[in-house]
Protein backbone atom coordinates (compact mmCIF):
# COMPACT_ATOMS: atom_id res chain seq x y z
CA MET A 1 113.60 133.78 67.11
CA LEU A 2 110.20 132.13 66.73
CA LYS A 3 109.23 130.93 70.20
CA ILE A 4 106.69 128.12 70.44
CA ALA A 5 104.94 126.80 73.54
CA TRP A 6 104.85 123.02 73.75
CA SER A 7 104.95 120.33 76.40
CA PRO A 8 104.36 116.55 76.37
CA ILE A 9 101.44 117.26 78.73
CA TYR A 10 99.57 118.74 75.75
CA CYS A 11 98.91 115.24 74.38
CA HIS A 12 96.45 113.95 76.96
CA PRO A 13 95.22 110.33 76.74
CA LEU A 14 91.59 109.99 75.71
CA PRO A 15 89.23 107.00 75.42
CA GLU A 16 89.62 104.98 72.23
CA GLY A 17 87.49 106.36 69.43
CA HIS A 18 87.27 109.87 70.87
CA ARG A 19 86.79 112.37 68.05
CA PHE A 20 89.31 114.91 69.34
CA PRO A 21 92.68 114.36 67.54
CA MET A 22 94.87 114.75 70.63
CA GLU A 23 97.86 113.10 68.93
CA LYS A 24 98.36 116.18 66.73
CA TYR A 25 100.03 117.90 69.67
CA ASN A 26 102.94 115.46 69.48
CA ILE A 27 103.05 115.00 65.71
CA LEU A 28 103.03 118.70 64.78
CA PRO A 29 106.24 119.64 66.63
CA GLU A 30 107.89 116.44 65.34
CA GLN A 31 106.98 117.41 61.79
CA LEU A 32 108.30 120.96 62.19
CA LEU A 33 111.59 119.63 63.57
CA TYR A 34 111.89 116.90 60.93
CA GLU A 35 111.48 119.27 57.99
CA GLY A 36 113.80 121.88 59.51
CA THR A 37 111.21 124.63 59.90
CA VAL A 38 112.24 124.95 63.54
CA LYS A 39 114.94 123.70 65.89
CA SER A 40 114.54 122.40 69.42
CA SER A 41 115.65 125.81 70.70
CA ASN A 42 112.48 127.35 69.24
CA PHE A 43 110.35 125.50 71.78
CA PHE A 44 109.78 126.50 75.37
CA SER A 45 108.04 124.39 77.98
CA PRO A 46 105.15 126.14 79.74
CA GLN A 47 104.56 125.61 83.44
CA LYS A 48 101.39 125.91 85.50
CA LEU A 49 99.98 129.42 85.27
CA GLU A 50 99.49 131.16 88.60
CA GLU A 51 95.92 130.90 89.82
CA LYS A 52 95.54 134.67 90.19
CA TRP A 53 95.79 135.09 86.42
CA ILE A 54 93.19 132.40 85.80
CA VAL A 55 90.63 133.82 88.24
CA ASN A 56 91.29 137.26 86.77
CA THR A 57 89.28 135.94 83.81
CA HIS A 58 87.33 132.96 85.15
CA SER A 59 85.09 132.99 88.19
CA PRO A 60 86.83 131.63 91.31
CA SER A 61 83.86 129.33 91.96
CA PHE A 62 84.13 127.77 88.51
CA PHE A 63 87.88 127.33 88.78
CA GLY A 64 87.42 125.77 92.21
CA LYS A 65 84.92 123.30 90.78
CA LEU A 66 87.35 122.43 87.99
CA THR A 67 90.35 121.82 90.21
CA SER A 68 88.31 119.78 92.70
CA LEU A 69 86.68 117.80 89.85
CA ASN A 70 83.30 118.93 91.14
CA LEU A 71 81.51 119.49 87.83
CA ASN A 72 78.21 117.67 87.39
CA LYS A 73 77.60 115.18 84.56
CA SER A 74 75.98 117.77 82.31
CA GLU A 75 78.86 120.22 82.79
CA ILE A 76 81.41 117.50 82.06
CA ARG A 77 79.51 116.35 78.97
CA LYS A 78 79.51 119.90 77.56
CA THR A 79 83.30 120.07 77.76
CA GLY A 80 83.64 116.95 75.61
CA PHE A 81 86.41 115.48 77.76
CA PRO A 82 86.44 113.02 80.68
CA LEU A 83 87.35 115.09 83.73
CA SER A 84 90.57 114.33 85.62
CA HIS A 85 93.29 116.10 87.55
CA GLU A 86 95.68 115.38 84.67
CA LEU A 87 93.34 117.11 82.22
CA ILE A 88 93.09 120.20 84.42
CA ASP A 89 96.90 120.30 84.79
CA ARG A 90 97.12 120.18 81.00
CA GLU A 91 94.75 123.12 80.66
CA ILE A 92 96.66 125.22 83.19
CA HIS A 93 99.94 124.53 81.35
CA ILE A 94 98.32 125.55 78.04
CA MET A 95 97.15 128.81 79.63
CA HIS A 96 100.72 129.61 80.67
CA GLY A 97 101.88 128.71 77.17
CA SER A 98 99.69 131.41 75.63
CA VAL A 99 100.59 134.00 78.28
CA GLN A 100 104.31 133.38 77.83
CA ALA A 101 103.96 133.27 74.03
CA SER A 102 102.26 136.68 74.22
CA LEU A 103 105.27 138.03 76.12
CA PHE A 104 107.62 136.54 73.52
CA ALA A 105 105.49 138.16 70.79
CA LEU A 106 106.18 141.54 72.38
CA GLU A 107 109.89 140.79 72.02
CA TYR A 108 110.03 139.08 68.62
CA GLY A 109 106.88 140.29 66.87
CA ILE A 110 105.27 136.84 66.81
CA ALA A 111 105.08 133.74 68.98
CA MET A 112 102.92 130.64 68.97
CA ASN A 113 101.29 127.96 71.08
CA ILE A 114 101.04 124.42 69.68
CA ALA A 115 97.75 124.14 71.60
CA GLY A 116 95.34 126.80 72.87
CA GLY A 117 92.66 128.70 71.02
CA THR A 118 90.15 127.51 73.63
CA HIS A 119 87.53 130.05 72.64
CA HIS A 120 84.43 128.15 73.81
CA ALA A 121 85.33 128.50 77.50
CA PHE A 122 83.19 131.10 79.28
CA ALA A 123 84.05 132.87 82.51
CA ASP A 124 81.91 130.40 84.46
CA ARG A 125 81.83 127.22 82.37
CA GLY A 126 83.58 125.08 79.81
CA GLU A 127 82.22 123.92 76.46
CA GLY A 128 83.31 122.28 73.21
CA PHE A 129 86.74 120.86 74.19
CA CYS A 130 87.55 124.11 76.04
CA LEU A 131 87.81 124.32 79.84
CA LEU A 132 89.74 127.58 80.29
CA ASN A 133 90.03 130.40 77.76
CA ASP A 134 93.68 131.06 76.92
CA ILE A 135 92.88 133.93 74.54
CA ALA A 136 91.00 135.78 77.28
CA ILE A 137 93.51 134.96 80.01
CA ALA A 138 96.48 136.11 77.91
CA SER A 139 94.65 139.27 76.82
CA ASN A 140 93.75 140.18 80.38
CA PHE A 141 97.32 139.47 81.49
CA LEU A 142 98.71 141.98 78.99
CA LEU A 143 96.09 144.59 79.89
CA GLU A 144 96.35 144.17 83.66
CA ASN A 145 100.14 144.48 83.56
CA GLY A 146 100.00 147.60 81.40
CA LEU A 147 101.85 145.88 78.57
CA ARG A 148 99.18 146.60 75.92
CA LYS A 149 96.14 148.84 75.68
CA LYS A 150 94.04 147.59 72.76
CA ILE A 151 93.84 143.93 71.75
CA LEU A 152 92.24 142.59 68.60
CA VAL A 153 91.09 138.96 68.74
CA VAL A 154 91.08 137.49 65.22
CA ASP A 155 89.18 134.22 65.49
CA LEU A 156 89.14 132.29 62.21
CA ASP A 157 88.21 128.88 63.58
CA VAL A 158 85.14 127.46 61.82
CA HIS A 159 83.23 127.72 65.11
CA GLN A 160 82.28 131.07 66.63
CA GLY A 161 84.44 132.18 69.55
CA ASN A 162 81.42 132.35 71.82
CA GLY A 163 83.24 132.18 75.15
CA THR A 164 85.70 134.91 74.17
CA ALA A 165 82.88 137.12 72.88
CA SER A 166 80.99 136.72 76.15
CA ILE A 167 84.00 137.42 78.37
CA PHE A 168 84.88 140.64 76.53
CA GLU A 169 81.34 141.79 75.76
CA LYS A 170 81.67 144.91 77.92
CA LEU A 171 85.41 145.55 77.68
CA PRO A 172 86.17 148.16 74.98
CA SER A 173 89.92 147.53 75.13
CA VAL A 174 89.41 144.11 73.49
CA PHE A 175 87.76 143.85 70.07
CA THR A 176 86.48 140.36 69.21
CA PHE A 177 86.26 139.44 65.52
CA SER A 178 84.91 136.00 64.64
CA MET A 179 84.51 134.72 61.09
CA HIS A 180 82.84 131.31 61.23
CA GLY A 181 80.36 128.90 59.72
CA ALA A 182 76.80 130.15 60.22
CA SER A 183 75.45 126.61 60.65
CA ASN A 184 78.22 125.29 62.85
CA TYR A 185 78.46 124.75 66.58
CA PRO A 186 77.56 126.57 68.77
CA MET A 187 73.95 126.71 67.66
CA HIS A 188 73.40 129.69 69.98
CA LYS A 189 75.94 132.33 69.05
CA GLU A 190 77.12 135.08 71.36
CA LYS A 191 77.66 138.63 70.10
CA SER A 192 81.23 139.41 69.12
CA ASP A 193 82.20 142.99 68.30
CA LEU A 194 82.16 141.77 64.71
CA ASP A 195 80.68 138.46 63.60
CA ILE A 196 80.82 137.28 59.99
CA PRO A 197 78.76 134.08 59.67
CA LEU A 198 79.55 132.22 56.47
CA PRO A 199 77.24 129.92 54.50
CA ASP A 200 78.01 126.23 54.07
CA LYS A 201 80.53 125.40 51.34
CA THR A 202 82.19 128.83 51.38
CA ASN A 203 85.29 128.33 49.23
CA ASP A 204 88.79 129.85 49.11
CA GLY A 205 87.91 132.77 46.86
CA GLN A 206 84.81 133.80 48.77
CA TYR A 207 86.46 133.41 52.16
CA LEU A 208 89.66 135.27 51.30
CA LYS A 209 87.79 138.14 49.62
CA ILE A 210 85.81 138.79 52.80
CA LEU A 211 88.86 138.48 55.05
CA LYS A 212 91.02 140.78 52.89
CA GLU A 213 88.26 143.40 52.80
CA THR A 214 87.51 143.19 56.53
CA LEU A 215 90.73 142.79 58.49
CA PRO A 216 92.66 145.82 57.12
CA ARG A 217 89.65 147.99 57.91
CA LEU A 218 89.45 146.64 61.46
CA ILE A 219 93.12 147.35 62.06
CA GLU A 220 92.75 150.86 60.67
CA THR A 221 89.68 151.74 62.75
CA PHE A 222 90.42 149.94 66.04
CA GLN A 223 94.21 150.46 65.91
CA PRO A 224 95.18 147.50 68.10
CA ASP A 225 98.60 147.21 69.68
CA PHE A 226 98.35 143.40 69.92
CA ILE A 227 96.62 140.61 67.99
CA MET A 228 95.49 137.27 69.41
CA TYR A 229 95.06 134.95 66.42
CA GLN A 230 92.96 131.81 66.73
CA CYS A 231 93.95 129.93 63.58
CA GLY A 232 91.88 126.74 63.70
CA VAL A 233 92.15 124.58 60.58
CA ASP A 234 88.61 123.20 60.81
CA VAL A 235 87.74 125.52 57.90
CA LEU A 236 89.04 122.82 55.54
CA ALA A 237 86.60 121.08 53.22
CA SER A 238 87.83 117.76 54.67
CA ASP A 239 86.88 118.67 58.24
CA LYS A 240 84.35 116.40 59.94
CA LEU A 241 83.02 119.13 62.23
CA GLY A 242 83.18 122.02 59.77
CA ARG A 243 80.91 122.94 56.88
CA LEU A 244 83.16 125.26 54.88
CA ALA A 245 85.18 124.30 51.80
CA LEU A 246 88.68 125.74 52.05
CA THR A 247 91.65 123.94 50.57
CA ILE A 248 95.04 123.57 52.25
CA ALA A 249 96.30 126.36 49.97
CA GLY A 250 93.36 128.59 50.88
CA CYS A 251 93.93 128.02 54.58
CA LYS A 252 97.59 128.94 54.13
CA GLU A 253 96.64 132.13 52.29
CA ARG A 254 94.28 132.97 55.16
CA ASP A 255 97.17 132.73 57.61
CA LYS A 256 99.47 134.68 55.31
CA THR A 257 96.91 137.48 55.11
CA VAL A 258 96.71 137.80 58.89
CA LEU A 259 100.45 137.51 59.55
CA GLU A 260 101.42 139.93 56.77
CA LEU A 261 99.00 142.56 58.07
CA ALA A 262 100.30 142.19 61.63
CA ARG A 263 103.91 142.49 60.44
CA ARG A 264 103.20 145.42 58.12
CA HIS A 265 101.58 147.37 60.94
CA SER A 266 104.20 146.28 63.52
CA ILE A 267 101.53 144.70 65.71
CA PRO A 268 102.78 141.81 67.87
CA ILE A 269 100.75 138.66 67.29
CA MET A 270 100.27 135.48 69.30
CA CYS A 271 98.97 132.48 67.35
CA CYS A 272 97.10 129.63 69.05
CA MET A 273 96.14 126.61 66.99
CA GLY A 274 92.45 126.00 67.64
CA GLY A 275 90.50 123.15 66.07
CA GLY A 276 91.02 120.70 63.23
CA TYR A 277 89.04 117.48 62.74
CA SER A 278 89.78 116.18 59.25
CA GLU A 279 89.57 112.39 58.88
CA LYS A 280 93.18 112.27 57.74
CA LEU A 281 95.46 113.49 60.49
CA SER A 282 98.06 114.38 57.83
CA LEU A 283 95.77 117.13 56.52
CA ILE A 284 95.44 118.65 59.99
CA ILE A 285 99.20 118.58 60.50
CA GLU A 286 99.94 120.07 57.07
CA ALA A 287 97.49 122.94 57.57
CA HIS A 288 98.85 123.72 61.04
CA ALA A 289 102.46 123.40 59.89
CA ASN A 290 101.86 125.99 57.19
CA THR A 291 101.21 128.60 59.89
CA TYR A 292 104.66 127.97 61.38
CA ARG A 293 106.35 127.94 57.98
CA LEU A 294 104.78 131.32 57.21
CA ALA A 295 105.84 132.73 60.57
CA GLN A 296 109.45 131.76 59.88
CA ASP A 297 109.38 133.04 56.30
CA LEU A 298 107.71 136.36 57.08
CA TYR A 299 109.38 137.27 60.36
CA PHE A 300 112.77 135.56 60.51
């Protein structure tokens, strides 16, 4: 069964006019249910992740500042969200969603989180709509509990996974692969194990050629026993914060490439949604929904 982390807490109220499309976290599960891709039994409701698993990745001082709302104005501004206890509760639930989805992936081959993909969060700070790093927390959870030995992070959001790269810079058991827009945020890039910066207006054919040449080779050489997949849909040509030129069909083929490789090699995979900022919310939902449709078609 395809298990999907979701909770109403994911859709956090934001000031009017805020550029983050928070409403997608309610609309996406509704769409998947409406079209029959999933049933209500596919969803599980994450709880608050135990603090010990958060401070296993993030510095205790930073987490303490978060939970006590003690960030300064500059630190708050860099996160992109107004700070509140409700926001922090949301983040902690999302972290548990990715940890639990990773455990379900061990059982079913694949599992997903409607939110997550918070790859801009560093060990000691938040940035770019990311306060805590679910990819890093879930990876460390699997490693610390002896459940996996070698994790491949496949980050195909249009923005480099700078926080994830920094957290795992010196940990050989996690390989970070980020394929992103060269001219996109963050302007200062960290060093992933493999970075592929793409020029503006990279289209479907160019993008997919690089991915299909690169990912099989990575799997063959690194031989991961788990994949964390950050499948942001801000690679679309319609995206306000992206500079690439993928179509909906190209984005779907991207996801199909990753999921087929994971399935072929019997590597469990956890998918977290990442970014998407197209003007039309329907485009964001359609691109995200394709990932779930593929998961059902390929695995179940």
